[in-house]
Structure formats: C-alpha cells, structure tokens
Amino acid sequence: MEAALRAIYTVWYRETLRLLREKTRLIGMIGQPLLYLLVVGQGISAAMGFRGVPAEIPLNYVQFMYPGVLAMSVLFTSVFSGISIIWDREFGFLKEVLVAPVPRWATALGKVLGGSTVAMAQACILLCLAPIARVPLDLLMVLKLLGILLLISLALTSFGVAIASHMQTMEGFQMIMNFLVMPLFFLSGAMFPLHSAPPWMAFLMRLDPLTYGVDALRGVIYAGADPRVTAFLVRYDLVTNLSVLLLVTAALVALGTWSFSRQD
C-alpha cells in the first residue's frame, strides 16, 4: 500500500508540475469558457433575449449560462487530460510506468487526480470571474461549488483515462472525444433549460450525467435567489443531483482504473 500511495502521489505531482511549468496553458484554460460566457452569452442575450423566461423573472441569459460554463470548463479539461496517456505511450514513458513494481490502478488513480487538479485550477479561475456574470458568491457557496466540481472532474477525468487506454494515436482520441464530449455538453442544460427542450431531447438530457452536475451548480448558486428564478432554473433537489453524481463518479473511476490496468 505504501508503494501504491507513493505511485499515486508521484503521478499526480507530475501532472500538476506540468501545468505549473506551462504558463501559457493557464491562458488557454480560460479562453474557451470566456468565449462562451462573454461572446456567445452576451450575443444571444442582446440579439434574442432569453426566450422561454417569463418577463417577471429577473434573470438574463449570461446568469443562466454561468453554471453551465463552469461545468463546461471542467468537462473539456478533465476529459482531454487523458491524452497524456497516449503522449506518454508514444515517448516510451508509459512502458516504464507499466513495468514498475506498483499496481497499475495506483498509476491510473494518480492520472485521474492529476487531471482533476488541473480542471479544478481552471474552475477556481472562473469562480473568480463570477462578478462578470453578475452572480454573487459567498465563501460557503464557493466551497459547495468546488465540491460539486470535484465530483464532476473526477468522473470525467476517469472517463478520459478509460477511452485513452484503448487508443493508439492522439488524432483518434481527439476525434472520439469530440464526438462524445459535445453531446455531453449540449445535452447538459448548460445552453438551454431542460423544461423548454422537445420531449425527445429532454429524455436524452435526463440520461446525460452532466445534466445533474449543472443542475446541482445552479441549485447552489441560486439557492437564495428569487423563488421564481429557483423554480425556473433548478430541476432536481440537491440530494438527487449529488446521489447521481456520486454513483456516476464511482462507476467511472472504477472503469478508468480497470481500463488502464488491462492495457498491454
């Protein structure tokens, strides 16, 4: 167990150190979320308003979209962190890791924790930008949001590790992940509310585990808001959302470590 814990820490530290050494990566980490928040959100709000929202509800599209942008930042960073496995395989580092006298699940868990740490760093940056979206946050809300985002990042990083363990090229990984990630994001309710979607799309949105993460984030952010806003934005209670997230996270962490352990 001591060797396993040391392996987990070493792999986690390597992934974290890689982030700290790539200063320009921090800029890129917030570029896409800010593009959605400031350009897409402001553009849609200015051009069409927020369709489907009753006029008496004090809510704009950017405020609605902010929790979804938080989830999106964690989604893309977490899932694509799995590409480091393919990178390590191409340069021979992974072969050295696999023959080391430590359990492979420990290496996989280190990868998952490292990718989650990177995703959480991006989430912290976006939480600091909440005033841009006119979303007030206090310390307790921030702690709750970080807990939810950690569950999302662990689940999605494990998902990325599971996929990368079976891929041989970075191009193939990127193609597969784009095919999977975009539906996860667009069906999560980040861009439009669940109750306004067509029935067939609402059904798919309920199957998307990220839907419950976005809903949990909205539930925390707008817990003390106007009851009309909360009723319009939040679909499920926090216990339901967290229960689904915990089950999905446990299943995907198990899948990720198992897939990594099974590779040649």
Protein backbone atom coordinates (compact mmCIF):
# COMPACT_ATOMS: atom_id res chain seq x y z
CA MET A 1 0.00 0.00 0.00
CA GLU A 2 2.89 2.36 0.73
CA ALA A 3 4.25 1.80 -2.78
CA ALA A 4 0.78 2.39 -4.26
CA LEU A 5 0.35 5.66 -2.36
CA ARG A 6 3.81 6.78 -3.46
CA ALA A 7 2.91 6.00 -7.08
CA ILE A 8 -0.35 7.93 -6.82
CA TYR A 9 1.45 10.95 -5.41
CA THR A 10 4.27 10.82 -7.98
CA VAL A 11 1.94 10.64 -10.98
CA TRP A 12 -0.30 13.36 -9.51
CA TYR A 13 2.71 15.58 -8.85
CA ARG A 14 3.99 15.07 -12.41
CA GLU A 15 0.67 16.14 -13.91
CA THR A 16 0.46 19.18 -11.61
CA LEU A 17 4.07 20.17 -12.27
CA ARG A 18 3.43 20.03 -16.00
CA LEU A 19 0.64 22.59 -15.58
CA LEU A 20 2.77 24.92 -13.46
CA ARG A 21 5.59 24.87 -16.00
CA GLU A 22 3.31 25.74 -18.93
CA LYS A 23 2.34 29.32 -18.14
CA THR A 24 0.61 29.85 -21.48
CA ARG A 25 -1.64 26.88 -20.73
CA LEU A 26 -3.33 28.87 -17.98
CA ILE A 27 -4.38 31.45 -20.57
CA GLY A 28 -5.76 28.79 -22.87
CA MET A 29 -7.64 27.14 -19.99
CA ILE A 30 -9.95 30.12 -19.57
CA GLY A 31 -10.12 31.18 -23.22
CA GLN A 32 -12.93 28.88 -24.35
CA PRO A 33 -15.16 29.38 -21.27
CA LEU A 34 -14.77 33.14 -21.51
CA LEU A 35 -15.62 32.93 -25.22
CA TYR A 36 -18.90 31.22 -24.37
CA LEU A 37 -19.64 33.49 -21.42
CA LEU A 38 -18.77 36.89 -22.88
CA VAL A 39 -19.27 36.42 -26.61
CA VAL A 40 -21.89 33.69 -27.02
CA GLY A 41 -23.82 34.55 -23.85
CA GLN A 42 -23.80 38.31 -24.37
CA GLY A 43 -24.52 37.92 -28.11
CA ILE A 44 -27.54 35.67 -27.61
CA SER A 45 -28.80 37.82 -24.76
CA ALA A 46 -28.52 41.01 -26.82
CA ALA A 47 -29.94 39.53 -30.03
CA MET A 48 -32.81 37.39 -28.79
CA GLY A 49 -33.02 37.83 -25.04
CA PHE A 50 -33.80 34.73 -23.02
CA ARG A 51 -36.70 33.03 -24.72
CA GLY A 52 -38.92 30.93 -22.53
CA VAL A 53 -38.34 33.02 -19.43
CA PRO A 54 -41.41 34.86 -18.12
CA ALA A 55 -40.97 38.62 -18.22
CA GLU A 56 -41.46 38.99 -14.47
CA ILE A 57 -38.46 36.74 -13.63
CA PRO A 58 -35.29 38.85 -13.04
CA LEU A 59 -32.83 36.71 -14.98
CA ASN A 60 -30.65 37.19 -18.05
CA TYR A 61 -29.04 34.60 -20.29
CA VAL A 62 -25.49 35.15 -19.02
CA GLN A 63 -26.60 34.44 -15.44
CA PHE A 64 -28.39 31.32 -16.63
CA MET A 65 -25.34 30.18 -18.58
CA TYR A 66 -22.68 30.77 -15.90
CA PRO A 67 -23.12 27.42 -14.06
CA GLY A 68 -23.02 25.67 -17.42
CA VAL A 69 -19.77 27.42 -18.32
CA LEU A 70 -18.29 26.22 -15.01
CA ALA A 71 -19.26 22.65 -15.88
CA MET A 72 -18.02 23.08 -19.45
CA SER A 73 -14.57 24.20 -18.31
CA VAL A 74 -14.24 21.13 -16.10
CA LEU A 75 -15.67 18.89 -18.83
CA PHE A 76 -13.17 19.78 -21.55
CA THR A 77 -10.13 19.97 -19.29
CA SER A 78 -10.91 16.72 -17.47
CA VAL A 79 -11.75 14.60 -20.49
CA PHE A 80 -8.84 15.75 -22.63
CA SER A 81 -6.35 15.23 -19.80
CA GLY A 82 -6.47 11.58 -20.83
CA ILE A 83 -4.43 12.47 -23.90
CA SER A 84 -1.33 12.49 -21.67
CA ILE A 85 -1.58 8.67 -21.58
CA ILE A 86 -1.20 8.49 -25.35
CA TRP A 87 1.59 11.07 -25.25
CA ASP A 88 3.44 9.03 -22.62
CA ARG A 89 2.94 5.87 -24.66
CA GLU A 90 4.44 7.42 -27.80
CA PHE A 91 7.54 8.63 -25.95
CA GLY A 92 8.07 5.41 -24.01
CA PHE A 93 7.38 6.79 -20.55
CA LEU A 94 4.24 4.72 -20.12
CA LYS A 95 6.15 1.49 -20.74
CA GLU A 96 8.46 2.31 -17.85
CA VAL A 97 5.48 3.04 -15.63
CA LEU A 98 3.68 -0.18 -16.51
CA VAL A 99 6.68 -2.37 -15.64
CA ALA A 100 7.29 -0.59 -12.32
CA PRO A 101 6.66 -2.70 -9.19
CA VAL A 102 3.48 -0.82 -8.29
CA PRO A 103 -0.16 -1.70 -9.01
CA ARG A 104 -1.45 -0.22 -12.24
CA TRP A 105 -4.60 1.03 -10.57
CA ALA A 106 -2.41 3.34 -8.48
CA THR A 107 -0.92 4.87 -11.64
CA ALA A 108 -4.40 5.30 -13.13
CA LEU A 109 -5.66 6.91 -9.93
CA GLY A 110 -2.70 9.30 -9.96
CA LYS A 111 -3.61 10.25 -13.53
CA VAL A 112 -7.21 10.84 -12.50
CA LEU A 113 -6.25 13.00 -9.54
CA GLY A 114 -3.73 14.95 -11.62
CA GLY A 115 -6.25 15.68 -14.36
CA SER A 116 -8.85 16.64 -11.77
CA THR A 117 -6.39 19.04 -10.14
CA VAL A 118 -5.81 20.79 -13.45
CA ALA A 119 -9.57 21.02 -14.05
CA MET A 120 -10.15 22.40 -10.57
CA ALA A 121 -7.49 25.07 -11.14
CA GLN A 122 -9.45 26.23 -14.17
CA ALA A 123 -12.71 26.14 -12.20
CA CYS A 124 -11.18 28.33 -9.46
CA ILE A 125 -10.20 30.92 -12.06
CA LEU A 126 -13.76 31.00 -13.40
CA LEU A 127 -15.23 31.29 -9.91
CA CYS A 128 -13.18 34.45 -9.51
CA LEU A 129 -14.87 35.80 -12.65
CA ALA A 130 -18.40 35.39 -11.26
CA PRO A 131 -18.86 39.20 -10.94
CA ILE A 132 -18.59 39.46 -14.74
CA ALA A 133 -21.76 37.37 -14.99
CA ARG A 134 -23.32 39.33 -12.10
CA VAL A 135 -23.50 36.18 -10.00
CA PRO A 136 -22.90 36.90 -6.28
CA LEU A 137 -20.99 34.21 -4.39
CA ASP A 138 -20.05 33.82 -0.74
CA LEU A 139 -17.47 31.54 0.86
CA LEU A 140 -19.92 28.76 1.72
CA MET A 141 -21.30 28.74 -1.82
CA VAL A 142 -17.79 28.58 -3.26
CA LEU A 143 -16.94 25.57 -1.08
CA LYS A 144 -20.11 23.78 -2.15
CA LEU A 145 -19.43 24.56 -5.80
CA LEU A 146 -15.87 23.27 -5.51
CA GLY A 147 -17.17 20.02 -4.02
CA ILE A 148 -19.61 19.52 -6.91
CA LEU A 149 -16.99 20.45 -9.50
CA LEU A 150 -14.55 17.99 -7.92
CA LEU A 151 -17.04 15.16 -8.37
CA ILE A 152 -17.60 16.17 -11.99
CA SER A 153 -13.87 16.40 -12.68
CA LEU A 154 -13.11 13.01 -11.10
CA ALA A 155 -15.85 11.35 -13.16
CA LEU A 156 -14.88 12.95 -16.46
CA THR A 157 -11.13 12.52 -16.00
CA SER A 158 -11.72 8.84 -15.32
CA PHE A 159 -13.83 8.70 -18.47
CA GLY A 160 -10.98 10.25 -20.46
CA VAL A 161 -8.48 7.78 -18.97
CA ALA A 162 -10.76 4.86 -19.87
CA ILE A 163 -11.01 5.98 -23.50
CA ALA A 164 -7.31 6.87 -23.84
CA SER A 165 -6.28 3.45 -22.53
CA HIS A 166 -7.73 1.87 -25.67
CA MET A 167 -6.49 4.46 -28.21
CA GLN A 168 -3.18 4.38 -30.07
CA THR A 169 -2.99 7.86 -31.57
CA MET A 170 -3.77 11.35 -30.33
CA GLU A 171 -5.72 12.10 -33.50
CA GLY A 172 -8.03 9.14 -32.91
CA PHE A 173 -8.51 10.12 -29.27
CA GLN A 174 -9.39 13.70 -30.15
CA MET A 175 -11.90 12.57 -32.78
CA ILE A 176 -13.62 10.11 -30.45
CA MET A 177 -13.71 12.56 -27.56
CA ASN A 178 -15.12 15.40 -29.66
CA PHE A 179 -17.85 13.02 -30.78
CA LEU A 180 -18.65 12.20 -27.13
CA VAL A 181 -17.94 15.49 -25.37
CA MET A 182 -20.06 17.85 -27.44
CA PRO A 183 -23.31 15.88 -26.89
CA LEU A 184 -22.47 15.67 -23.18
CA PHE A 185 -22.19 19.45 -23.05
CA PHE A 186 -25.11 20.46 -25.23
CA LEU A 187 -27.47 17.95 -23.57
CA SER A 188 -26.48 19.01 -20.05
CA GLY A 189 -28.81 22.01 -19.90
CA ALA A 190 -25.90 24.43 -19.95
CA MET A 191 -27.17 26.26 -23.03
CA PHE A 192 -30.95 25.92 -22.63
CA PRO A 193 -33.30 24.81 -19.82
CA LEU A 194 -34.49 21.23 -19.62
CA HIS A 195 -38.20 22.05 -19.47
CA SER A 196 -38.13 24.02 -22.74
CA ALA A 197 -36.49 21.21 -24.76
CA PRO A 198 -38.52 18.94 -27.08
CA PRO A 199 -39.62 15.67 -25.44
CA TRP A 200 -37.06 13.52 -27.26
CA MET A 201 -34.26 15.90 -26.30
CA ALA A 202 -35.48 16.18 -22.69
CA PHE A 203 -35.27 12.38 -22.47
CA LEU A 204 -31.65 12.42 -23.67
CA MET A 205 -30.84 15.25 -21.27
CA ARG A 206 -32.06 13.15 -18.34
CA LEU A 207 -29.69 10.38 -19.43
CA ASP A 208 -26.73 12.77 -19.52
CA PRO A 209 -24.93 12.62 -16.14
CA LEU A 210 -23.57 16.13 -16.65
CA THR A 211 -27.16 17.40 -16.50
CA TYR A 212 -27.23 16.62 -12.79
CA GLY A 213 -23.90 18.36 -12.27
CA VAL A 214 -25.10 21.54 -13.96
CA ASP A 215 -28.39 21.37 -12.06
CA ALA A 216 -26.53 20.97 -8.76
CA LEU A 217 -24.37 24.01 -9.55
CA ARG A 218 -27.47 26.07 -10.31
CA GLY A 219 -29.12 24.82 -7.15
CA VAL A 220 -26.22 26.13 -5.04
CA ILE A 221 -25.76 29.42 -6.90
CA TYR A 222 -29.44 30.36 -6.91
CA ALA A 223 -30.48 28.81 -3.59
CA GLY A 224 -31.15 32.23 -2.06
CA ALA A 225 -32.44 33.92 -5.18
CA ASP A 226 -35.98 34.89 -6.08
CA PRO A 227 -38.15 31.73 -5.69
CA ARG A 228 -39.39 32.22 -9.23
CA VAL A 229 -35.81 32.10 -10.51
CA THR A 230 -35.00 28.97 -8.49
CA ALA A 231 -38.17 27.20 -9.63
CA PHE A 232 -37.38 28.04 -13.25
CA LEU A 233 -33.69 27.07 -13.20
CA VAL A 234 -33.37 24.12 -10.82
CA ARG A 235 -34.96 20.86 -11.92
CA TYR A 236 -33.99 18.44 -9.14
CA ASP A 237 -33.14 18.80 -5.46
CA LEU A 238 -29.51 18.78 -4.35
CA VAL A 239 -29.70 15.31 -2.77
CA THR A 240 -30.88 13.77 -6.06
CA ASN A 241 -28.19 15.54 -8.07
CA LEU A 242 -25.39 14.58 -5.66
CA SER A 243 -26.59 10.98 -5.47
CA VAL A 244 -26.43 10.62 -9.25
CA LEU A 245 -23.03 12.33 -9.37
CA LEU A 246 -21.61 10.07 -6.66
CA LEU A 247 -22.82 6.92 -8.41
CA VAL A 248 -21.51 8.05 -11.79
CA THR A 249 -18.18 9.12 -10.30
CA ALA A 250 -17.68 5.78 -8.53
CA ALA A 251 -18.57 3.86 -11.69
CA LEU A 252 -16.30 5.90 -13.97
CA VAL A 253 -13.34 5.85 -11.56
CA ALA A 254 -13.66 2.06 -11.42
CA LEU A 255 -13.93 1.91 -15.22
CA GLY A 256 -10.92 4.18 -15.72
CA THR A 257 -8.63 2.27 -13.37
CA TRP A 258 -9.78 -1.09 -14.78
CA SER A 259 -9.25 0.00 -18.40
CA PHE A 260 -5.79 1.35 -17.62
CA SER A 261 -4.83 -1.86 -15.81
CA ARG A 262 -5.95 -4.01 -18.76
CA GLN A 263 -3.84 -2.32 -21.44
CA ASP A 264 -0.73 -4.02 -22.82
